[in-house]
Structure formats: C-alpha cells, structure tokens
Amino acid sequence: MTSSEFAYTGCDNLEAMTEAVNYNKFLIDCVDKHVASPDLRILDFGAGRGTYADMLAERRIIPDCLEPDAELQKLLLSKGYKVVDCEAEPSESEMYSLIYSFNVFEHIKNDQEASEHLTSLLRPGGTLVIYVPALEMLFTSMDTKVGHYRRYRRTQLERILRNAGLEIVESRYCDPIGFFATLAYKIVGSDDGTINTRALKFYDRVLFPLSKLLQVGTGKLFGKNILVVATKS
C-alpha cells in the first residue's frame, strides 16, 4: 500500500472525535484485551493524530504508528512514536504480534491490497483488530467530507480478510443506537458533514454506554460499525 492510495480530508471531524471518551475507550479496550505483555510489538495502522496510541501509552503500551499524512507524521514523531514507512517491507524481526486499525480501511481505495499488506506485517499467530463504518445505507455527507470510499457489510469485510490469508476469530456489528442516529443525521443532519460537538458529547456520555450493552444482542444483525478480530496462521 502506498500513501497515495489513502484519502483523508476533514481533520476538524478527526479532532472532534477526541471528545468521544466512552467510544474511544471501548475501542482501546478491544485492543488491550489482546495485549499479553507491554513488550508486545504493536502497530497502529492509520494512526492519525495519535488519539489511540496516546490512550494505549497511558496504559504503558507503546505502539509503532503507520500514518501516510506527512503533517500527522510530524505530530506523531513530536510525541515520541516510531513512525513506520508505509511502503517498507519488514524483516522477520520487525513483524508485529498485534495490529489495530480503527476507521481507516474505508479511506483506502484498494482495501484488499491494504489487508494483504497488513497480513505481511503480522507474525504467524499475530492478531488484527479492525473497526470500520457499517452499511452503505448509512452513507452520509459526513462520509463524503472525510473521504470515505465505502461502508462495509460484515460478510464483505470477512471475505476481504480471508482473501488476505487471515482467519476470522470474532465478527460483529457494533453500536445499534448509532445505526438509528446515523439514519437521523442522513435525513436532517448537516449537508457539509460537520460533526456537532455538543451532540457528539451527549451521544457519547448518555447513549453509547446503552448501545454498547445492546450490541450483545444485535451484533449479527446491524449496527453503525463493524468489529472484526482475525489471526494469521
């Protein structure tokens, strides 16, 4: 995968999402459960501003970061993270035991090639944790603003990862209340795709904790996002 295959705009939305405290903690918990040791080699694929790397660092887990945007690379370097070359082929000793990627694959034109690249970065027995927006019917101006090529069906993402040589361990839709909130945004939301920070904070503090409980029963059916955990044999 080359940096030219990654499209991202709408950095104001990226910054706004740092306010989603419960949402971000949920994602980091999805990674942390697979960290057997703080010395594990971990990669944040599509690290952005380092939001999730920073949260892991607070738990004394320091990932390497892969981020194609030159300005965001500088920010990550200023925070002390190792920034991985997007196009470098790793040696066996440089492969990772755990890679996570949150809301990144939808920005990549050739997501099959990207998944194969991630597989090449994983050690045998290594784990990939990936989280993406779900369902094309939820595609809104917000997706357009931040440069999404697509939203995913669960079976579609599973197929892409299997074709890359990975074995699916866990696969589910997440955030069922967010499914309906996104439909509402599609009908009455901003045409320019801007996130309302006040509404975001309300959803994150009040509704997301309930949605997280409900997804236990709706995980195979629908949700705003998809979480897949896969391993390399």
C-alpha atoms as a PDB file:
ATOM      1  CA  MET A   1       0.000   0.000   0.000  1.00  0.00           C
ATOM      2  CA  THR A   2       1.291   3.448  -0.909  1.00  0.00           C
ATOM      3  CA  SER A   3       0.401   6.753   0.740  1.00  0.00           C
ATOM      4  CA  SER A   4      -1.289   7.886  -2.490  1.00  0.00           C
ATOM      5  CA  GLU A   5      -3.957   5.195  -2.002  1.00  0.00           C
ATOM      6  CA  PHE A   6      -5.077   6.712   1.276  1.00  0.00           C
ATOM      7  CA  ALA A   7      -7.586   9.582   1.135  1.00  0.00           C
ATOM      8  CA  TYR A   8      -8.369  11.742   4.150  1.00  0.00           C
ATOM      9  CA  THR A   9      -9.993  15.130   4.465  1.00  0.00           C
ATOM     10  CA  GLY A  10     -11.997  16.707   7.267  1.00  0.00           C
ATOM     11  CA  CYS A  11      -9.381  16.992  10.003  1.00  0.00           C
ATOM     12  CA  ASP A  12     -11.845  19.026  12.087  1.00  0.00           C
ATOM     13  CA  ASN A  13     -14.008  15.899  12.380  1.00  0.00           C
ATOM     14  CA  LEU A  14     -10.945  13.873  13.357  1.00  0.00           C
ATOM     15  CA  GLU A  15     -10.219  16.363  16.123  1.00  0.00           C
ATOM     16  CA  ALA A  16     -13.870  16.390  17.252  1.00  0.00           C
ATOM     17  CA  MET A  17     -13.798  12.622  17.737  1.00  0.00           C
ATOM     18  CA  THR A  18     -11.219  13.030  20.504  1.00  0.00           C
ATOM     19  CA  GLU A  19     -14.197  14.203  22.605  1.00  0.00           C
ATOM     20  CA  ALA A  20     -15.883  10.790  22.287  1.00  0.00           C
ATOM     21  CA  VAL A  21     -14.443   9.490  25.561  1.00  0.00           C
ATOM     22  CA  ASN A  22     -16.577   6.351  26.017  1.00  0.00           C
ATOM     23  CA  TYR A  23     -16.402   5.438  22.325  1.00  0.00           C
ATOM     24  CA  ASN A  24     -12.620   5.739  22.251  1.00  0.00           C
ATOM     25  CA  LYS A  25     -12.237   3.776  25.487  1.00  0.00           C
ATOM     26  CA  PHE A  26     -14.358   0.975  24.018  1.00  0.00           C
ATOM     27  CA  LEU A  27     -12.011   0.749  21.040  1.00  0.00           C
ATOM     28  CA  ILE A  28      -8.872   0.762  23.177  1.00  0.00           C
ATOM     29  CA  ASP A  29     -10.345  -1.946  25.403  1.00  0.00           C
ATOM     30  CA  CYS A  30     -10.819  -4.042  22.240  1.00  0.00           C
ATOM     31  CA  VAL A  31      -7.054  -3.791  21.688  1.00  0.00           C
ATOM     32  CA  ASP A  32      -5.925  -4.062  25.304  1.00  0.00           C
ATOM     33  CA  LYS A  33      -7.617  -7.454  25.764  1.00  0.00           C
ATOM     34  CA  HIS A  34      -5.178  -8.880  23.203  1.00  0.00           C
ATOM     35  CA  VAL A  35      -2.044  -7.392  24.825  1.00  0.00           C
ATOM     36  CA  ALA A  36      -0.448 -10.247  26.739  1.00  0.00           C
ATOM     37  CA  SER A  37       2.651  -8.194  27.579  1.00  0.00           C
ATOM     38  CA  PRO A  38       3.589  -4.481  27.406  1.00  0.00           C
ATOM     39  CA  ASP A  39       6.638  -5.578  25.386  1.00  0.00           C
ATOM     40  CA  LEU A  40       4.433  -6.910  22.567  1.00  0.00           C
ATOM     41  CA  ARG A  41       5.216  -5.357  19.176  1.00  0.00           C
ATOM     42  CA  ILE A  42       2.060  -3.417  18.253  1.00  0.00           C
ATOM     43  CA  LEU A  43       1.210  -1.291  15.214  1.00  0.00           C
ATOM     44  CA  ASP A  44      -1.408   1.452  14.969  1.00  0.00           C
ATOM     45  CA  PHE A  45      -2.361   1.330  11.286  1.00  0.00           C
ATOM     46  CA  GLY A  46      -3.657   4.756  10.215  1.00  0.00           C
ATOM     47  CA  ALA A  47      -2.646   6.417  13.469  1.00  0.00           C
ATOM     48  CA  GLY A  48      -3.917   9.906  12.591  1.00  0.00           C
ATOM     49  CA  ARG A  49      -3.190  12.361  15.410  1.00  0.00           C
ATOM     50  CA  GLY A  50      -2.221   9.536  17.748  1.00  0.00           C
ATOM     51  CA  THR A  51      -5.512   9.519  19.680  1.00  0.00           C
ATOM     52  CA  TYR A  52      -5.487   5.754  20.235  1.00  0.00           C
ATOM     53  CA  ALA A  53      -1.704   5.478  20.537  1.00  0.00           C
ATOM     54  CA  ASP A  54      -1.870   8.099  23.306  1.00  0.00           C
ATOM     55  CA  MET A  55      -4.577   6.168  25.136  1.00  0.00           C
ATOM     56  CA  LEU A  56      -2.524   2.978  24.968  1.00  0.00           C
ATOM     57  CA  ALA A  57       0.571   4.870  26.105  1.00  0.00           C
ATOM     58  CA  GLU A  58      -1.360   5.917  29.228  1.00  0.00           C
ATOM     59  CA  ARG A  59      -1.603   2.167  29.932  1.00  0.00           C
ATOM     60  CA  ARG A  60       2.158   1.821  29.333  1.00  0.00           C
ATOM     61  CA  ILE A  61       1.606   0.126  25.971  1.00  0.00           C
ATOM     62  CA  ILE A  62       3.569   1.927  23.246  1.00  0.00           C
ATOM     63  CA  PRO A  63       2.651   1.100  19.635  1.00  0.00           C
ATOM     64  CA  ASP A  64       4.519   1.972  16.477  1.00  0.00           C
ATOM     65  CA  CYS A  65       2.486   4.177  14.146  1.00  0.00           C
ATOM     66  CA  LEU A  66       1.811   3.924  10.426  1.00  0.00           C
ATOM     67  CA  GLU A  67       0.322   7.141   9.062  1.00  0.00           C
ATOM     68  CA  PRO A  68       0.592   8.329   5.419  1.00  0.00           C
ATOM     69  CA  ASP A  69      -0.217  12.014   6.041  1.00  0.00           C
ATOM     70  CA  ALA A  70       3.061  13.959   6.241  1.00  0.00           C
ATOM     71  CA  GLU A  71       1.829  16.585   8.722  1.00  0.00           C
ATOM     72  CA  LEU A  72       0.365  13.954  11.041  1.00  0.00           C
ATOM     73  CA  GLN A  73       3.641  12.012  10.804  1.00  0.00           C
ATOM     74  CA  LYS A  74       5.432  15.073  12.178  1.00  0.00           C
ATOM     75  CA  LEU A  75       2.946  15.291  15.044  1.00  0.00           C
ATOM     76  CA  LEU A  76       3.431  11.606  15.894  1.00  0.00           C
ATOM     77  CA  LEU A  77       7.208  11.987  15.808  1.00  0.00           C
ATOM     78  CA  SER A  78       6.979  15.006  18.114  1.00  0.00           C
ATOM     79  CA  LYS A  79       5.128  12.783  20.599  1.00  0.00           C
ATOM     80  CA  GLY A  80       7.970  10.270  20.510  1.00  0.00           C
ATOM     81  CA  TYR A  81       6.348   7.499  18.474  1.00  0.00           C
ATOM     82  CA  LYS A  82       8.190   5.415  15.913  1.00  0.00           C
ATOM     83  CA  VAL A  83       6.564   6.176  12.548  1.00  0.00           C
ATOM     84  CA  VAL A  84       6.679   3.248  10.136  1.00  0.00           C
ATOM     85  CA  ASP A  85       7.275   3.723   6.419  1.00  0.00           C
ATOM     86  CA  CYS A  86       4.038   2.923   4.549  1.00  0.00           C
ATOM     87  CA  GLU A  87       5.897   1.173   1.743  1.00  0.00           C
ATOM     88  CA  ALA A  88       8.690  -0.606   3.636  1.00  0.00           C
ATOM     89  CA  GLU A  89       8.843  -4.394   3.691  1.00  0.00           C
ATOM     90  CA  PRO A  90       9.575  -5.542   7.263  1.00  0.00           C
ATOM     91  CA  SER A  91      12.195  -8.099   8.201  1.00  0.00           C
ATOM     92  CA  GLU A  92      11.065 -11.081  10.271  1.00  0.00           C
ATOM     93  CA  SER A  93      12.240  -9.385  13.478  1.00  0.00           C
ATOM     94  CA  GLU A  94      10.231  -6.258  12.614  1.00  0.00           C
ATOM     95  CA  MET A  95       6.881  -8.024  12.244  1.00  0.00           C
ATOM     96  CA  TYR A  96       4.067  -7.306  14.692  1.00  0.00           C
ATOM     97  CA  SER A  97       2.177  -9.515  17.127  1.00  0.00           C
ATOM     98  CA  LEU A  98      -0.807  -7.166  17.146  1.00  0.00           C
ATOM     99  CA  ILE A  99      -2.081  -4.619  14.629  1.00  0.00           C
ATOM    100  CA  TYR A 100      -5.158  -2.463  15.125  1.00  0.00           C
ATOM    101  CA  SER A 101      -6.904  -0.210  12.636  1.00  0.00           C
ATOM    102  CA  PHE A 102      -9.850   1.983  13.619  1.00  0.00           C
ATOM    103  CA  ASN A 103     -11.950   3.705  10.941  1.00  0.00           C
ATOM    104  CA  VAL A 104      -9.170   3.572   8.365  1.00  0.00           C
ATOM    105  CA  PHE A 105      -9.957   0.946   5.696  1.00  0.00           C
ATOM    106  CA  GLU A 106     -12.862   2.989   4.346  1.00  0.00           C
ATOM    107  CA  HIS A 107     -10.320   5.688   3.368  1.00  0.00           C
ATOM    108  CA  ILE A 108      -8.256   3.269   1.267  1.00  0.00           C
ATOM    109  CA  LYS A 109      -9.137   2.828  -2.394  1.00  0.00           C
ATOM    110  CA  ASN A 110      -7.737  -0.711  -2.651  1.00  0.00           C
ATOM    111  CA  ASP A 111      -8.727  -2.251   0.671  1.00  0.00           C
ATOM    112  CA  GLN A 112      -7.885  -5.788  -0.474  1.00  0.00           C
ATOM    113  CA  GLU A 113      -4.288  -4.767  -1.145  1.00  0.00           C
ATOM    114  CA  ALA A 114      -4.176  -2.973   2.213  1.00  0.00           C
ATOM    115  CA  SER A 115      -5.366  -6.078   4.066  1.00  0.00           C
ATOM    116  CA  GLU A 116      -2.685  -8.145   2.312  1.00  0.00           C
ATOM    117  CA  HIS A 117      -0.081  -5.563   3.349  1.00  0.00           C
ATOM    118  CA  LEU A 118      -1.232  -5.817   6.966  1.00  0.00           C
ATOM    119  CA  THR A 119      -1.019  -9.597   6.785  1.00  0.00           C
ATOM    120  CA  SER A 120       2.597  -9.270   5.627  1.00  0.00           C
ATOM    121  CA  LEU A 121       3.327  -7.136   8.708  1.00  0.00           C
ATOM    122  CA  LEU A 122       1.893  -9.722  11.119  1.00  0.00           C
ATOM    123  CA  ARG A 123       3.904 -12.502  12.714  1.00  0.00           C
ATOM    124  CA  PRO A 124       2.479 -16.030  12.410  1.00  0.00           C
ATOM    125  CA  GLY A 125      -0.098 -16.251  15.197  1.00  0.00           C
ATOM    126  CA  GLY A 126      -0.435 -12.460  15.235  1.00  0.00           C
ATOM    127  CA  THR A 127      -3.767 -10.679  15.667  1.00  0.00           C
ATOM    128  CA  LEU A 128      -5.504  -7.951  13.661  1.00  0.00           C
ATOM    129  CA  VAL A 129      -8.249  -5.856  15.283  1.00  0.00           C
ATOM    130  CA  ILE A 130     -10.151  -3.798  12.712  1.00  0.00           C
ATOM    131  CA  TYR A 131     -13.118  -1.431  13.135  1.00  0.00           C
ATOM    132  CA  VAL A 132     -14.905   0.212  10.205  1.00  0.00           C
ATOM    133  CA  PRO A 133     -18.183   2.027   9.385  1.00  0.00           C
ATOM    134  CA  ALA A 134     -21.039  -0.324   8.527  1.00  0.00           C
ATOM    135  CA  LEU A 135     -23.662  -0.484   5.787  1.00  0.00           C
ATOM    136  CA  GLU A 136     -23.871   1.628   2.631  1.00  0.00           C
ATOM    137  CA  MET A 137     -27.414   2.688   3.530  1.00  0.00           C
ATOM    138  CA  LEU A 138     -25.823   4.800   6.299  1.00  0.00           C
ATOM    139  CA  PHE A 139     -23.528   6.688   3.885  1.00  0.00           C
ATOM    140  CA  THR A 140     -23.970  10.403   4.647  1.00  0.00           C
ATOM    141  CA  SER A 141     -22.383  13.775   3.964  1.00  0.00           C
ATOM    142  CA  MET A 142     -20.086  13.011   6.892  1.00  0.00           C
ATOM    143  CA  ASP A 143     -18.627  10.055   4.969  1.00  0.00           C
ATOM    144  CA  THR A 144     -18.141  12.282   1.938  1.00  0.00           C
ATOM    145  CA  LYS A 145     -16.452  15.014   3.995  1.00  0.00           C
ATOM    146  CA  VAL A 146     -13.793  12.718   5.429  1.00  0.00           C
ATOM    147  CA  GLY A 147     -13.075  10.886   2.172  1.00  0.00           C
ATOM    148  CA  HIS A 148     -14.753   7.514   2.679  1.00  0.00           C
ATOM    149  CA  TYR A 149     -14.829   5.259  -0.372  1.00  0.00           C
ATOM    150  CA  ARG A 150     -17.375   2.914   1.211  1.00  0.00           C
ATOM    151  CA  ARG A 151     -19.072   1.492   4.280  1.00  0.00           C
ATOM    152  CA  TYR A 152     -18.983  -2.278   4.882  1.00  0.00           C
ATOM    153  CA  ARG A 153     -21.175  -5.307   5.367  1.00  0.00           C
ATOM    154  CA  ARG A 154     -19.844  -7.750   7.929  1.00  0.00           C
ATOM    155  CA  THR A 155     -19.574 -10.608   5.433  1.00  0.00           C
ATOM    156  CA  GLN A 156     -17.825  -8.312   2.951  1.00  0.00           C
ATOM    157  CA  LEU A 157     -15.069  -7.394   5.418  1.00  0.00           C
ATOM    158  CA  GLU A 158     -14.686 -11.019   6.492  1.00  0.00           C
ATOM    159  CA  ARG A 159     -14.190 -12.039   2.848  1.00  0.00           C
ATOM    160  CA  ILE A 160     -11.514  -9.391   2.285  1.00  0.00           C
ATOM    161  CA  LEU A 161      -9.552 -10.530   5.335  1.00  0.00           C
ATOM    162  CA  ARG A 162      -9.893 -14.219   4.484  1.00  0.00           C
ATOM    163  CA  ASN A 163      -8.652 -13.499   0.956  1.00  0.00           C
ATOM    164  CA  ALA A 164      -5.609 -11.887   2.563  1.00  0.00           C
ATOM    165  CA  GLY A 165      -4.853 -15.126   4.396  1.00  0.00           C
ATOM    166  CA  LEU A 166      -6.352 -14.354   7.792  1.00  0.00           C
ATOM    167  CA  GLU A 167      -8.667 -16.458   9.937  1.00  0.00           C
ATOM    168  CA  ILE A 168     -11.723 -14.735  11.452  1.00  0.00           C
ATOM    169  CA  VAL A 169     -11.910 -15.073  15.242  1.00  0.00           C
ATOM    170  CA  GLU A 170     -14.644 -12.541  16.030  1.00  0.00           C
ATOM    171  CA  SER A 171     -17.018 -10.549  13.822  1.00  0.00           C
ATOM    172  CA  ARG A 172     -19.943  -8.353  14.882  1.00  0.00           C
ATOM    173  CA  TYR A 173     -21.831  -5.161  14.241  1.00  0.00           C
ATOM    174  CA  CYS A 174     -21.433  -2.519  16.964  1.00  0.00           C
ATOM    175  CA  ASP A 175     -23.407   0.484  18.215  1.00  0.00           C
ATOM    176  CA  PRO A 176     -27.037  -0.294  17.239  1.00  0.00           C
ATOM    177  CA  ILE A 177     -28.332   3.016  18.615  1.00  0.00           C
ATOM    178  CA  GLY A 178     -25.733   4.709  16.425  1.00  0.00           C
ATOM    179  CA  PHE A 179     -27.357   2.990  13.431  1.00  0.00           C
ATOM    180  CA  PHE A 180     -30.576   4.927  14.042  1.00  0.00           C
ATOM    181  CA  ALA A 181     -28.713   8.112  14.981  1.00  0.00           C
ATOM    182  CA  THR A 182     -26.850   7.970  11.659  1.00  0.00           C
ATOM    183  CA  LEU A 183     -30.111   7.460   9.754  1.00  0.00           C
ATOM    184  CA  ALA A 184     -31.478  10.544  11.515  1.00  0.00           C
ATOM    185  CA  TYR A 185     -28.336  12.500  10.605  1.00  0.00           C
ATOM    186  CA  LYS A 186     -28.782  11.424   6.987  1.00  0.00           C
ATOM    187  CA  ILE A 187     -32.283  12.884   6.962  1.00  0.00           C
ATOM    188  CA  VAL A 188     -31.845  16.100   8.970  1.00  0.00           C
ATOM    189  CA  GLY A 189     -28.085  16.497   9.505  1.00  0.00           C
ATOM    190  CA  SER A 190     -25.637  18.996   8.081  1.00  0.00           C
ATOM    191  CA  ASP A 191     -25.112  18.903   4.317  1.00  0.00           C
ATOM    192  CA  ASP A 192     -21.404  19.696   4.781  1.00  0.00           C
ATOM    193  CA  GLY A 193     -20.800  16.659   7.006  1.00  0.00           C
ATOM    194  CA  THR A 194     -19.672  18.605  10.066  1.00  0.00           C
ATOM    195  CA  ILE A 195     -19.891  16.897  13.467  1.00  0.00           C
ATOM    196  CA  ASN A 196     -21.837  18.825  16.100  1.00  0.00           C
ATOM    197  CA  THR A 197     -19.535  18.545  19.122  1.00  0.00           C
ATOM    198  CA  ARG A 198     -22.322  19.114  21.642  1.00  0.00           C
ATOM    199  CA  ALA A 199     -24.457  16.358  20.087  1.00  0.00           C
ATOM    200  CA  LEU A 200     -21.395  14.096  19.916  1.00  0.00           C
ATOM    201  CA  LYS A 201     -20.688  14.532  23.635  1.00  0.00           C
ATOM    202  CA  PHE A 202     -24.339  13.850  24.534  1.00  0.00           C
ATOM    203  CA  TYR A 203     -24.378  10.680  22.458  1.00  0.00           C
ATOM    204  CA  ASP A 204     -21.057   9.512  23.847  1.00  0.00           C
ATOM    205  CA  ARG A 205     -21.892  10.137  27.514  1.00  0.00           C
ATOM    206  CA  VAL A 206     -25.594   9.136  27.558  1.00  0.00           C
ATOM    207  CA  LEU A 207     -26.442   6.829  24.642  1.00  0.00           C
ATOM    208  CA  PHE A 208     -23.246   4.997  23.715  1.00  0.00           C
ATOM    209  CA  PRO A 209     -22.957   3.096  27.036  1.00  0.00           C
ATOM    210  CA  LEU A 210     -26.501   1.769  26.474  1.00  0.00           C
ATOM    211  CA  SER A 211     -25.740   0.992  22.837  1.00  0.00           C
ATOM    212  CA  LYS A 212     -22.672  -0.987  23.919  1.00  0.00           C
ATOM    213  CA  LEU A 213     -24.911  -3.178  26.089  1.00  0.00           C
ATOM    214  CA  LEU A 214     -27.498  -3.664  23.340  1.00  0.00           C
ATOM    215  CA  GLN A 215     -24.947  -4.760  20.735  1.00  0.00           C
ATOM    216  CA  VAL A 216     -24.594  -8.078  22.573  1.00  0.00           C
ATOM    217  CA  GLY A 217     -27.982  -8.968  21.069  1.00  0.00           C
ATOM    218  CA  THR A 218     -27.708  -7.142  17.730  1.00  0.00           C
ATOM    219  CA  GLY A 219     -24.105  -7.970  16.781  1.00  0.00           C
ATOM    220  CA  LYS A 220     -25.020 -10.367  13.986  1.00  0.00           C
ATOM    221  CA  LEU A 221     -27.804  -8.136  12.624  1.00  0.00           C
ATOM    222  CA  PHE A 222     -26.964  -4.432  12.340  1.00  0.00           C
ATOM    223  CA  GLY A 223     -25.039  -1.527  13.815  1.00  0.00           C
ATOM    224  CA  LYS A 224     -23.197   1.670  12.903  1.00  0.00           C
ATOM    225  CA  ASN A 225     -19.813  -0.052  12.814  1.00  0.00           C
ATOM    226  CA  ILE A 226     -18.203  -3.467  12.419  1.00  0.00           C
ATOM    227  CA  LEU A 227     -15.545  -5.016  14.647  1.00  0.00           C
ATOM    228  CA  VAL A 228     -13.538  -7.944  13.294  1.00  0.00           C
ATOM    229  CA  VAL A 229     -10.683  -9.775  15.012  1.00  0.00           C
ATOM    230  CA  ALA A 230      -8.569 -12.031  12.783  1.00  0.00           C
ATOM    231  CA  THR A 231      -5.359 -14.017  13.170  1.00  0.00           C
ATOM    232  CA  LYS A 232      -2.526 -15.098  10.887  1.00  0.00           C
ATOM    233  CA  SER A 233      -1.844 -18.841  10.901  1.00  0.00           C
END
